Amino acid sequence: MTRPEELDEQLIETIDEDGNVINFELLDIIEYEGKEYGLLLPKDDQEDENEVVLMRLSKEGEEYIFEVIEDDNEFNTVVEYIDSLEEDEDSEQS
């Protein structure tokens, strides 16, 4: 589910397993099977500039938390769903 008013150049700061701060731009939020997933673009590392990262979005109290998807099946299923959305969008524009 996209919330455009919330996505205008929204920067997300996360900390990796080594304690390094990584900055991302939130590109989109997708809802799939009752869960939300964020599509994030790394802002720090020029090398991975075009690599979009997929993370699960959960809420703890009033805070939203981005979590790494460790289950390969869940990750692959969500990627396939996102790909199908893009295909549907492309066919509608043709």
N, C-alpha and C. Protein backbone atom coordinates (compact mmCIF):
# COMPACT_ATOMS: atom_id res chain seq x y z
N MET A 1 0.85 -1.17 0.00
CA MET A 1 0.00 0.00 0.00
C MET A 1 0.90 1.23 0.00
N THR A 2 0.80 2.04 -1.00
CA THR A 2 1.62 3.23 -1.11
C THR A 2 0.96 4.39 -0.40
N ARG A 3 1.74 5.09 0.36
CA ARG A 3 1.24 6.30 1.00
C ARG A 3 2.10 7.46 0.50
N PRO A 4 1.77 8.02 -0.68
CA PRO A 4 2.62 9.02 -1.31
C PRO A 4 2.94 10.21 -0.42
N GLU A 5 1.99 10.64 0.38
CA GLU A 5 2.25 11.81 1.22
C GLU A 5 3.36 11.53 2.23
N GLU A 6 3.58 10.26 2.56
CA GLU A 6 4.62 9.90 3.51
C GLU A 6 5.93 9.55 2.84
N LEU A 7 5.94 9.42 1.51
CA LEU A 7 7.12 8.92 0.82
C LEU A 7 7.98 10.00 0.18
N ASP A 8 7.63 11.25 0.30
CA ASP A 8 8.40 12.32 -0.32
C ASP A 8 9.78 12.40 0.32
N GLU A 9 10.79 11.80 -0.38
CA GLU A 9 12.19 11.84 0.06
C GLU A 9 12.32 11.50 1.55
N GLN A 10 11.70 10.43 1.97
CA GLN A 10 11.78 10.01 3.35
C GLN A 10 13.05 9.19 3.55
N LEU A 11 13.91 9.64 4.43
CA LEU A 11 15.16 8.95 4.70
C LEU A 11 15.02 8.10 5.95
N ILE A 12 15.53 6.89 5.85
CA ILE A 12 15.47 5.92 6.95
C ILE A 12 16.90 5.61 7.36
N GLU A 13 17.15 5.60 8.64
CA GLU A 13 18.48 5.26 9.16
C GLU A 13 18.38 3.93 9.89
N THR A 14 19.22 2.98 9.49
CA THR A 14 19.25 1.68 10.15
C THR A 14 20.67 1.39 10.62
N ILE A 15 20.80 0.40 11.48
CA ILE A 15 22.11 -0.02 11.97
C ILE A 15 22.28 -1.48 11.62
N ASP A 16 23.39 -1.81 10.94
CA ASP A 16 23.63 -3.20 10.54
C ASP A 16 24.19 -4.01 11.70
N GLU A 17 24.45 -5.31 11.44
CA GLU A 17 24.91 -6.21 12.51
C GLU A 17 26.29 -5.83 13.06
N ASP A 18 27.04 -5.00 12.33
CA ASP A 18 28.36 -4.54 12.79
C ASP A 18 28.29 -3.20 13.49
N GLY A 19 27.09 -2.65 13.63
CA GLY A 19 26.92 -1.36 14.30
C GLY A 19 27.09 -0.16 13.40
N ASN A 20 27.21 -0.39 12.09
CA ASN A 20 27.36 0.70 11.13
C ASN A 20 25.99 1.29 10.79
N VAL A 21 25.94 2.62 10.70
CA VAL A 21 24.70 3.30 10.32
C VAL A 21 24.59 3.29 8.80
N ILE A 22 23.42 2.89 8.31
CA ILE A 22 23.16 2.87 6.87
C ILE A 22 21.92 3.72 6.61
N ASN A 23 22.03 4.63 5.67
CA ASN A 23 20.91 5.51 5.31
C ASN A 23 20.25 4.99 4.04
N PHE A 24 18.92 4.99 4.06
CA PHE A 24 18.13 4.56 2.91
C PHE A 24 17.10 5.62 2.58
N GLU A 25 16.70 5.64 1.33
CA GLU A 25 15.53 6.42 0.92
C GLU A 25 14.38 5.43 0.80
N LEU A 26 13.26 5.72 1.45
CA LEU A 26 12.09 4.86 1.36
C LEU A 26 11.39 5.12 0.04
N LEU A 27 11.38 4.12 -0.85
CA LEU A 27 10.78 4.27 -2.17
C LEU A 27 9.30 3.96 -2.17
N ASP A 28 8.91 2.92 -1.42
CA ASP A 28 7.51 2.48 -1.44
C ASP A 28 7.26 1.56 -0.27
N ILE A 29 6.00 1.42 0.08
CA ILE A 29 5.56 0.44 1.08
C ILE A 29 4.54 -0.44 0.38
N ILE A 30 4.77 -1.75 0.45
CA ILE A 30 3.90 -2.73 -0.18
C ILE A 30 3.25 -3.57 0.92
N GLU A 31 1.94 -3.79 0.79
CA GLU A 31 1.25 -4.67 1.73
C GLU A 31 1.02 -6.02 1.06
N TYR A 32 1.38 -7.08 1.76
CA TYR A 32 1.19 -8.44 1.23
C TYR A 32 0.85 -9.37 2.38
N GLU A 33 -0.28 -10.04 2.26
CA GLU A 33 -0.77 -11.00 3.26
C GLU A 33 -0.74 -10.44 4.68
N GLY A 34 -1.24 -9.22 4.81
CA GLY A 34 -1.38 -8.60 6.13
C GLY A 34 -0.11 -8.02 6.71
N LYS A 35 0.99 -8.09 5.98
CA LYS A 35 2.25 -7.52 6.45
C LYS A 35 2.67 -6.40 5.51
N GLU A 36 3.48 -5.47 6.03
CA GLU A 36 3.98 -4.39 5.19
C GLU A 36 5.47 -4.57 4.97
N TYR A 37 5.91 -4.20 3.76
CA TYR A 37 7.31 -4.33 3.37
C TYR A 37 7.76 -3.01 2.76
N GLY A 38 8.97 -2.60 3.10
CA GLY A 38 9.52 -1.37 2.56
C GLY A 38 10.53 -1.65 1.46
N LEU A 39 10.43 -0.87 0.39
CA LEU A 39 11.44 -0.90 -0.67
C LEU A 39 12.36 0.28 -0.41
N LEU A 40 13.63 -0.03 -0.15
CA LEU A 40 14.59 0.98 0.29
C LEU A 40 15.76 1.07 -0.68
N LEU A 41 16.22 2.28 -0.91
CA LEU A 41 17.37 2.52 -1.78
C LEU A 41 18.52 3.05 -0.93
N PRO A 42 19.66 2.32 -0.88
CA PRO A 42 20.82 2.80 -0.10
C PRO A 42 21.27 4.17 -0.59
N LYS A 43 21.56 5.06 0.34
CA LYS A 43 21.99 6.41 -0.01
C LYS A 43 23.48 6.64 0.20
N ASP A 44 24.16 5.78 0.96
CA ASP A 44 25.55 6.01 1.31
C ASP A 44 26.54 5.42 0.33
N ASP A 45 26.28 4.21 -0.10
CA ASP A 45 27.24 3.45 -0.89
C ASP A 45 26.96 3.64 -2.38
N GLN A 46 27.82 4.40 -3.04
CA GLN A 46 27.62 4.67 -4.47
C GLN A 46 27.61 3.39 -5.31
N GLU A 47 28.38 2.39 -4.85
CA GLU A 47 28.50 1.12 -5.60
C GLU A 47 27.16 0.42 -5.74
N ASP A 48 26.34 0.44 -4.67
CA ASP A 48 25.04 -0.24 -4.68
C ASP A 48 23.90 0.74 -4.94
N GLU A 49 24.19 1.81 -5.64
CA GLU A 49 23.23 2.89 -5.85
C GLU A 49 21.91 2.43 -6.44
N ASN A 50 21.93 1.45 -7.34
CA ASN A 50 20.71 1.01 -7.99
C ASN A 50 20.10 -0.24 -7.38
N GLU A 51 20.67 -0.73 -6.31
CA GLU A 51 20.18 -1.97 -5.69
C GLU A 51 19.13 -1.64 -4.63
N VAL A 52 17.90 -2.06 -4.89
CA VAL A 52 16.81 -1.82 -3.95
C VAL A 52 16.80 -2.93 -2.91
N VAL A 53 16.61 -2.54 -1.66
CA VAL A 53 16.59 -3.48 -0.54
C VAL A 53 15.14 -3.65 -0.10
N LEU A 54 14.76 -4.90 0.18
CA LEU A 54 13.42 -5.22 0.66
C LEU A 54 13.51 -5.59 2.14
N MET A 55 12.73 -4.91 2.98
CA MET A 55 12.71 -5.21 4.41
C MET A 55 11.27 -5.25 4.90
N ARG A 56 11.04 -6.07 5.93
CA ARG A 56 9.71 -6.14 6.55
C ARG A 56 9.55 -4.95 7.48
N LEU A 57 8.36 -4.38 7.49
CA LEU A 57 8.05 -3.23 8.33
C LEU A 57 7.12 -3.70 9.44
N SER A 58 7.53 -3.45 10.68
CA SER A 58 6.66 -3.80 11.80
C SER A 58 6.58 -2.60 12.74
N LYS A 59 5.62 -2.65 13.63
CA LYS A 59 5.41 -1.53 14.54
C LYS A 59 5.59 -2.02 15.97
N GLU A 60 6.45 -1.31 16.70
CA GLU A 60 6.65 -1.58 18.13
C GLU A 60 6.26 -0.32 18.87
N GLY A 61 5.11 -0.37 19.53
CA GLY A 61 4.60 0.83 20.19
C GLY A 61 4.25 1.87 19.14
N GLU A 62 4.89 3.02 19.22
CA GLU A 62 4.65 4.10 18.25
C GLU A 62 5.71 4.11 17.16
N GLU A 63 6.73 3.25 17.26
CA GLU A 63 7.83 3.24 16.30
C GLU A 63 7.66 2.18 15.24
N TYR A 64 8.06 2.53 14.02
CA TYR A 64 8.12 1.55 12.94
C TYR A 64 9.54 1.01 12.86
N ILE A 65 9.65 -0.29 12.71
CA ILE A 65 10.95 -0.96 12.66
C ILE A 65 11.08 -1.68 11.33
N PHE A 66 12.22 -1.50 10.66
CA PHE A 66 12.52 -2.24 9.44
C PHE A 66 13.37 -3.44 9.83
N GLU A 67 12.93 -4.63 9.41
CA GLU A 67 13.61 -5.87 9.78
C GLU A 67 14.07 -6.60 8.53
N VAL A 68 15.24 -7.23 8.64
CA VAL A 68 15.73 -8.07 7.56
C VAL A 68 14.83 -9.29 7.46
N ILE A 69 14.50 -9.70 6.26
CA ILE A 69 13.67 -10.90 6.04
C ILE A 69 14.62 -12.08 5.94
N GLU A 70 14.67 -12.89 6.99
CA GLU A 70 15.62 -14.00 7.04
C GLU A 70 15.06 -15.28 6.41
N ASP A 71 13.75 -15.36 6.27
CA ASP A 71 13.11 -16.53 5.66
C ASP A 71 13.15 -16.38 4.14
N ASP A 72 13.95 -17.22 3.47
CA ASP A 72 14.10 -17.14 2.01
C ASP A 72 12.77 -17.29 1.29
N ASN A 73 11.91 -18.17 1.79
CA ASN A 73 10.60 -18.39 1.15
C ASN A 73 9.75 -17.11 1.22
N GLU A 74 9.71 -16.48 2.38
CA GLU A 74 8.95 -15.24 2.53
C GLU A 74 9.52 -14.17 1.60
N PHE A 75 10.84 -14.02 1.59
CA PHE A 75 11.49 -13.01 0.74
C PHE A 75 11.15 -13.24 -0.73
N ASN A 76 11.32 -14.48 -1.20
CA ASN A 76 11.07 -14.79 -2.61
C ASN A 76 9.60 -14.59 -2.99
N THR A 77 8.70 -14.95 -2.09
CA THR A 77 7.27 -14.79 -2.34
C THR A 77 6.91 -13.32 -2.48
N VAL A 78 7.46 -12.48 -1.61
CA VAL A 78 7.18 -11.04 -1.68
C VAL A 78 7.78 -10.43 -2.95
N VAL A 79 9.00 -10.85 -3.31
CA VAL A 79 9.62 -10.36 -4.55
C VAL A 79 8.77 -10.72 -5.76
N GLU A 80 8.27 -11.95 -5.80
CA GLU A 80 7.41 -12.38 -6.91
C GLU A 80 6.12 -11.54 -6.95
N TYR A 81 5.57 -11.25 -5.78
CA TYR A 81 4.36 -10.42 -5.71
C TYR A 81 4.65 -9.01 -6.24
N ILE A 82 5.76 -8.43 -5.84
CA ILE A 82 6.12 -7.09 -6.30
C ILE A 82 6.34 -7.10 -7.81
N ASP A 83 7.02 -8.13 -8.31
CA ASP A 83 7.22 -8.25 -9.76
C ASP A 83 5.88 -8.32 -10.50
N SER A 84 4.92 -9.06 -9.93
CA SER A 84 3.60 -9.18 -10.58
C SER A 84 2.88 -7.83 -10.58
N LEU A 85 3.07 -7.03 -9.53
CA LEU A 85 2.47 -5.69 -9.49
C LEU A 85 3.06 -4.81 -10.59
N GLU A 86 4.38 -4.92 -10.77
CA GLU A 86 5.05 -4.13 -11.82
C GLU A 86 4.60 -4.56 -13.20
N GLU A 87 4.41 -5.87 -13.40
CA GLU A 87 3.92 -6.36 -14.69
C GLU A 87 2.51 -5.87 -14.97
N ASP A 88 1.65 -5.89 -13.94
CA ASP A 88 0.29 -5.39 -14.09
C ASP A 88 0.30 -3.89 -14.44
N GLU A 89 1.18 -3.15 -13.79
CA GLU A 89 1.29 -1.71 -14.03
C GLU A 89 1.75 -1.45 -15.45
N ASP A 90 2.74 -2.23 -15.91
CA ASP A 90 3.25 -2.07 -17.27
C ASP A 90 2.19 -2.38 -18.32
N SER A 91 1.41 -3.44 -18.10
CA SER A 91 0.37 -3.82 -19.06
C SER A 91 -0.75 -2.79 -19.10
N GLU A 92 -1.04 -2.14 -17.97
CA GLU A 92 -2.07 -1.11 -17.95
C GLU A 92 -1.63 0.14 -18.70
N GLN A 93 -0.32 0.40 -18.70
CA GLN A 93 0.19 1.60 -19.37
C GLN A 93 0.32 1.41 -20.87
N SER A 94 0.31 0.18 -21.34
CA SER A 94 0.47 -0.09 -22.78
C SER A 94 -0.78 0.20 -23.56
